[in-house]
N, C-alpha and C. Protein backbone atom coordinates (compact mmCIF):
# COMPACT_ATOMS: atom_id res chain seq x y z
N MET A 1 -25.40 -7.97 -4.61
CA MET A 1 -25.83 -6.59 -4.65
C MET A 1 -26.41 -6.31 -6.03
N ALA A 2 -27.58 -5.70 -6.07
CA ALA A 2 -28.25 -5.41 -7.32
C ALA A 2 -27.64 -4.18 -7.99
N MET A 3 -27.96 -4.00 -9.24
CA MET A 3 -27.51 -2.84 -9.99
C MET A 3 -28.15 -1.58 -9.41
N ILE A 4 -27.52 -0.46 -9.66
CA ILE A 4 -28.07 0.82 -9.22
C ILE A 4 -29.34 1.11 -10.02
N ASN A 5 -30.36 1.53 -9.31
CA ASN A 5 -31.63 1.92 -9.93
C ASN A 5 -31.51 3.40 -10.28
N LEU A 6 -31.46 3.72 -11.56
CA LEU A 6 -31.20 5.09 -11.99
C LEU A 6 -32.24 6.08 -11.49
N SER A 7 -33.48 5.66 -11.37
CA SER A 7 -34.52 6.59 -10.92
C SER A 7 -34.57 6.73 -9.40
N ARG A 8 -33.99 5.78 -8.68
CA ARG A 8 -34.06 5.80 -7.22
C ARG A 8 -32.73 6.14 -6.56
N ASP A 9 -31.62 5.79 -7.18
CA ASP A 9 -30.33 5.83 -6.49
C ASP A 9 -29.39 6.94 -6.92
N ILE A 10 -29.80 7.81 -7.83
CA ILE A 10 -28.95 8.93 -8.25
C ILE A 10 -29.69 10.23 -7.96
N HIS A 11 -29.04 11.09 -7.16
CA HIS A 11 -29.67 12.34 -6.73
C HIS A 11 -28.60 13.42 -6.61
N SER A 12 -29.05 14.65 -6.65
CA SER A 12 -28.11 15.76 -6.47
C SER A 12 -27.73 15.87 -4.99
N LEU A 13 -26.57 16.42 -4.76
CA LEU A 13 -26.13 16.66 -3.39
C LEU A 13 -27.10 17.60 -2.67
N THR A 14 -27.60 18.57 -3.37
CA THR A 14 -28.56 19.51 -2.79
C THR A 14 -29.82 18.78 -2.34
N GLU A 15 -30.33 17.88 -3.18
CA GLU A 15 -31.52 17.10 -2.81
C GLU A 15 -31.24 16.23 -1.58
N PHE A 16 -30.05 15.66 -1.53
CA PHE A 16 -29.66 14.84 -0.38
C PHE A 16 -29.62 15.69 0.90
N LYS A 17 -29.08 16.89 0.80
CA LYS A 17 -29.01 17.77 1.97
C LYS A 17 -30.41 18.10 2.49
N HIS A 18 -31.34 18.32 1.57
CA HIS A 18 -32.71 18.69 1.97
C HIS A 18 -33.52 17.51 2.50
N ASN A 19 -33.17 16.29 2.11
CA ASN A 19 -33.96 15.11 2.47
C ASN A 19 -33.09 14.01 3.08
N THR A 20 -32.12 14.40 3.88
CA THR A 20 -31.15 13.45 4.42
C THR A 20 -31.81 12.29 5.16
N THR A 21 -32.77 12.57 6.01
CA THR A 21 -33.41 11.51 6.81
C THR A 21 -34.07 10.48 5.91
N GLU A 22 -34.80 10.94 4.90
CA GLU A 22 -35.48 10.01 3.99
C GLU A 22 -34.48 9.16 3.21
N PHE A 23 -33.39 9.81 2.74
CA PHE A 23 -32.39 9.06 1.99
C PHE A 23 -31.68 8.04 2.87
N LEU A 24 -31.40 8.39 4.11
CA LEU A 24 -30.76 7.43 5.02
C LEU A 24 -31.67 6.23 5.27
N GLN A 25 -32.96 6.47 5.41
CA GLN A 25 -33.91 5.36 5.56
C GLN A 25 -33.90 4.48 4.32
N GLN A 26 -33.85 5.09 3.15
CA GLN A 26 -33.81 4.32 1.90
C GLN A 26 -32.56 3.45 1.83
N ILE A 27 -31.42 4.04 2.19
CA ILE A 27 -30.16 3.30 2.15
C ILE A 27 -30.21 2.11 3.10
N LYS A 28 -30.72 2.32 4.30
CA LYS A 28 -30.82 1.23 5.28
C LYS A 28 -31.77 0.14 4.79
N GLN A 29 -32.85 0.53 4.16
CA GLN A 29 -33.86 -0.43 3.71
C GLN A 29 -33.38 -1.22 2.49
N THR A 30 -32.83 -0.53 1.50
CA THR A 30 -32.47 -1.18 0.24
C THR A 30 -31.07 -1.78 0.25
N LYS A 31 -30.21 -1.29 1.17
CA LYS A 31 -28.79 -1.68 1.21
C LYS A 31 -28.06 -1.28 -0.07
N GLN A 32 -28.64 -0.36 -0.82
CA GLN A 32 -28.03 0.13 -2.05
C GLN A 32 -27.42 1.50 -1.81
N PRO A 33 -26.27 1.77 -2.40
CA PRO A 33 -25.66 3.09 -2.24
C PRO A 33 -26.42 4.14 -3.05
N LEU A 34 -26.22 5.38 -2.66
CA LEU A 34 -26.75 6.50 -3.44
C LEU A 34 -25.57 7.15 -4.15
N VAL A 35 -25.81 7.54 -5.39
CA VAL A 35 -24.85 8.33 -6.14
C VAL A 35 -25.32 9.78 -6.04
N LEU A 36 -24.44 10.63 -5.54
CA LEU A 36 -24.79 12.04 -5.40
C LEU A 36 -24.04 12.83 -6.46
N THR A 37 -24.77 13.72 -7.12
CA THR A 37 -24.20 14.49 -8.20
C THR A 37 -24.00 15.95 -7.79
N VAL A 38 -23.02 16.56 -8.43
CA VAL A 38 -22.77 17.99 -8.30
C VAL A 38 -22.64 18.51 -9.73
N ASN A 39 -23.48 19.47 -10.07
CA ASN A 39 -23.52 19.99 -11.44
C ASN A 39 -23.73 18.89 -12.47
N GLY A 40 -24.56 17.91 -12.12
CA GLY A 40 -24.92 16.84 -13.05
C GLY A 40 -23.91 15.73 -13.19
N LYS A 41 -22.79 15.81 -12.47
CA LYS A 41 -21.76 14.77 -12.55
C LYS A 41 -21.69 14.01 -11.23
N ALA A 42 -21.52 12.70 -11.31
CA ALA A 42 -21.38 11.87 -10.12
C ALA A 42 -20.14 12.31 -9.35
N GLU A 43 -20.32 12.61 -8.04
CA GLU A 43 -19.21 13.08 -7.21
C GLU A 43 -19.01 12.24 -5.95
N LEU A 44 -20.09 11.72 -5.39
CA LEU A 44 -20.00 11.02 -4.11
C LEU A 44 -20.87 9.77 -4.14
N ILE A 45 -20.46 8.80 -3.32
CA ILE A 45 -21.27 7.61 -3.08
C ILE A 45 -21.54 7.57 -1.58
N VAL A 46 -22.79 7.36 -1.21
CA VAL A 46 -23.17 7.24 0.20
C VAL A 46 -23.77 5.86 0.39
N GLN A 47 -23.25 5.12 1.36
CA GLN A 47 -23.80 3.79 1.63
C GLN A 47 -23.74 3.50 3.12
N ASP A 48 -24.50 2.48 3.54
CA ASP A 48 -24.53 2.12 4.94
C ASP A 48 -23.23 1.41 5.32
N ALA A 49 -22.89 1.48 6.61
CA ALA A 49 -21.62 0.95 7.10
C ALA A 49 -21.49 -0.56 6.87
N GLU A 50 -22.58 -1.29 7.07
CA GLU A 50 -22.53 -2.75 6.89
C GLU A 50 -22.19 -3.12 5.44
N SER A 51 -22.82 -2.46 4.50
CA SER A 51 -22.54 -2.72 3.09
C SER A 51 -21.11 -2.33 2.73
N TYR A 52 -20.65 -1.23 3.30
CA TYR A 52 -19.28 -0.81 3.05
C TYR A 52 -18.28 -1.84 3.59
N GLN A 53 -18.53 -2.37 4.78
CA GLN A 53 -17.66 -3.39 5.34
C GLN A 53 -17.64 -4.63 4.46
N GLU A 54 -18.80 -5.01 3.93
CA GLU A 54 -18.86 -6.15 3.01
C GLU A 54 -18.00 -5.89 1.77
N LEU A 55 -18.03 -4.66 1.28
CA LEU A 55 -17.22 -4.29 0.13
C LEU A 55 -15.73 -4.39 0.47
N LEU A 56 -15.34 -3.91 1.64
CA LEU A 56 -13.94 -4.01 2.08
C LEU A 56 -13.51 -5.47 2.22
N ASP A 57 -14.38 -6.30 2.78
CA ASP A 57 -14.08 -7.72 2.94
C ASP A 57 -13.90 -8.39 1.58
N ALA A 58 -14.77 -8.04 0.64
CA ALA A 58 -14.68 -8.62 -0.71
C ALA A 58 -13.37 -8.19 -1.38
N ALA A 59 -12.98 -6.93 -1.23
CA ALA A 59 -11.73 -6.45 -1.82
C ALA A 59 -10.53 -7.17 -1.21
N GLU A 60 -10.57 -7.39 0.10
CA GLU A 60 -9.48 -8.11 0.76
C GLU A 60 -9.39 -9.55 0.24
N LEU A 61 -10.54 -10.19 0.06
CA LEU A 61 -10.55 -11.55 -0.48
C LEU A 61 -9.96 -11.60 -1.89
N VAL A 62 -10.31 -10.62 -2.71
CA VAL A 62 -9.76 -10.57 -4.07
C VAL A 62 -8.24 -10.45 -4.02
N GLU A 63 -7.72 -9.58 -3.16
CA GLU A 63 -6.27 -9.42 -3.04
C GLU A 63 -5.61 -10.71 -2.57
N THR A 64 -6.23 -11.41 -1.64
CA THR A 64 -5.71 -12.69 -1.17
C THR A 64 -5.67 -13.71 -2.29
N LEU A 65 -6.76 -13.78 -3.05
CA LEU A 65 -6.83 -14.73 -4.17
C LEU A 65 -5.80 -14.39 -5.25
N LYS A 66 -5.57 -13.11 -5.49
CA LYS A 66 -4.55 -12.71 -6.46
C LYS A 66 -3.17 -13.18 -6.00
N GLY A 67 -2.89 -13.05 -4.70
CA GLY A 67 -1.62 -13.51 -4.16
C GLY A 67 -1.44 -15.01 -4.28
N ILE A 68 -2.50 -15.74 -4.01
CA ILE A 68 -2.46 -17.21 -4.14
C ILE A 68 -2.23 -17.59 -5.60
N LYS A 69 -2.95 -16.93 -6.50
CA LYS A 69 -2.80 -17.21 -7.93
C LYS A 69 -1.37 -16.95 -8.39
N LEU A 70 -0.80 -15.83 -7.95
CA LEU A 70 0.58 -15.50 -8.31
C LEU A 70 1.54 -16.57 -7.78
N GLY A 71 1.34 -16.99 -6.53
CA GLY A 71 2.20 -18.02 -5.95
C GLY A 71 2.11 -19.33 -6.72
N LEU A 72 0.91 -19.71 -7.11
CA LEU A 72 0.74 -20.95 -7.89
C LEU A 72 1.41 -20.84 -9.25
N GLU A 73 1.28 -19.69 -9.90
CA GLU A 73 1.93 -19.49 -11.20
C GLU A 73 3.44 -19.57 -11.07
N GLN A 74 3.98 -18.94 -10.01
CA GLN A 74 5.43 -18.98 -9.79
C GLN A 74 5.89 -20.41 -9.50
N MET A 75 5.09 -21.14 -8.75
CA MET A 75 5.43 -22.53 -8.45
C MET A 75 5.47 -23.36 -9.73
N GLN A 76 4.49 -23.15 -10.61
CA GLN A 76 4.44 -23.89 -11.87
C GLN A 76 5.62 -23.54 -12.78
N GLN A 77 6.16 -22.35 -12.61
CA GLN A 77 7.32 -21.92 -13.40
C GLN A 77 8.64 -22.36 -12.77
N GLY A 78 8.54 -23.06 -11.65
CA GLY A 78 9.74 -23.54 -10.97
C GLY A 78 10.42 -22.48 -10.12
N LYS A 79 9.74 -21.38 -9.86
CA LYS A 79 10.31 -20.33 -9.02
C LYS A 79 9.98 -20.63 -7.56
N GLY A 80 10.71 -20.01 -6.68
CA GLY A 80 10.43 -20.18 -5.26
C GLY A 80 11.17 -21.36 -4.67
N LYS A 81 10.81 -21.67 -3.44
CA LYS A 81 11.45 -22.76 -2.70
C LYS A 81 10.39 -23.64 -2.08
N LYS A 82 10.78 -24.85 -1.79
CA LYS A 82 9.90 -25.72 -1.02
C LYS A 82 9.79 -25.14 0.38
N ALA A 83 8.63 -25.32 0.99
CA ALA A 83 8.41 -24.78 2.34
C ALA A 83 9.45 -25.33 3.32
N GLU A 84 9.77 -26.60 3.19
CA GLU A 84 10.75 -27.22 4.10
C GLU A 84 12.10 -26.52 3.99
N ASP A 85 12.54 -26.23 2.75
CA ASP A 85 13.82 -25.54 2.56
C ASP A 85 13.77 -24.12 3.13
N PHE A 86 12.67 -23.44 2.89
CA PHE A 86 12.52 -22.07 3.40
C PHE A 86 12.62 -22.05 4.92
N PHE A 87 11.88 -22.93 5.58
CA PHE A 87 11.89 -22.93 7.05
C PHE A 87 13.25 -23.36 7.61
N ASN A 88 13.91 -24.31 6.95
CA ASN A 88 15.25 -24.69 7.41
C ASN A 88 16.20 -23.51 7.34
N GLU A 89 16.16 -22.76 6.22
CA GLU A 89 17.02 -21.57 6.08
C GLU A 89 16.65 -20.51 7.12
N LEU A 90 15.37 -20.31 7.33
CA LEU A 90 14.92 -19.31 8.31
C LEU A 90 15.41 -19.67 9.71
N PHE A 91 15.24 -20.92 10.10
CA PHE A 91 15.67 -21.34 11.44
C PHE A 91 17.19 -21.27 11.57
N ASP A 92 17.91 -21.59 10.48
CA ASP A 92 19.37 -21.47 10.53
C ASP A 92 19.79 -20.02 10.74
N LYS A 93 19.11 -19.08 10.06
CA LYS A 93 19.42 -17.65 10.24
C LYS A 93 19.09 -17.20 11.66
N LEU A 94 17.98 -17.64 12.17
CA LEU A 94 17.57 -17.27 13.54
C LEU A 94 18.56 -17.81 14.56
N ASP A 95 19.00 -19.05 14.35
CA ASP A 95 19.96 -19.67 15.28
C ASP A 95 21.30 -18.93 15.24
N SER A 96 21.74 -18.53 14.04
CA SER A 96 23.05 -17.88 13.92
C SER A 96 23.02 -16.43 14.40
N SER A 97 21.86 -15.83 14.51
CA SER A 97 21.79 -14.43 14.97
C SER A 97 21.76 -14.32 16.49
N GLN A 98 21.69 -15.43 17.18
CA GLN A 98 21.62 -15.38 18.66
C GLN A 98 22.97 -15.50 19.27
């Protein structure tokens, strides 16, 4: 995703309301979000659904990678259990609860 184009991608909310169709066409064509301002301050971001889903997918991947990194760090510190030990304990608990 490219950087926001300051002359193309930042507009007032009022301008967006008056030219919604044109701005929606721009968003679909460029795949870039629009920054909408109120009283000169950035207040809203408008983007197409496909780009938003890509952003959500990327955020989920980052969270997954953070979890993997944490697990590897804990393993290197000698924390945690071997998978075999964990599953043996889990199955023993399941067997004893029946």
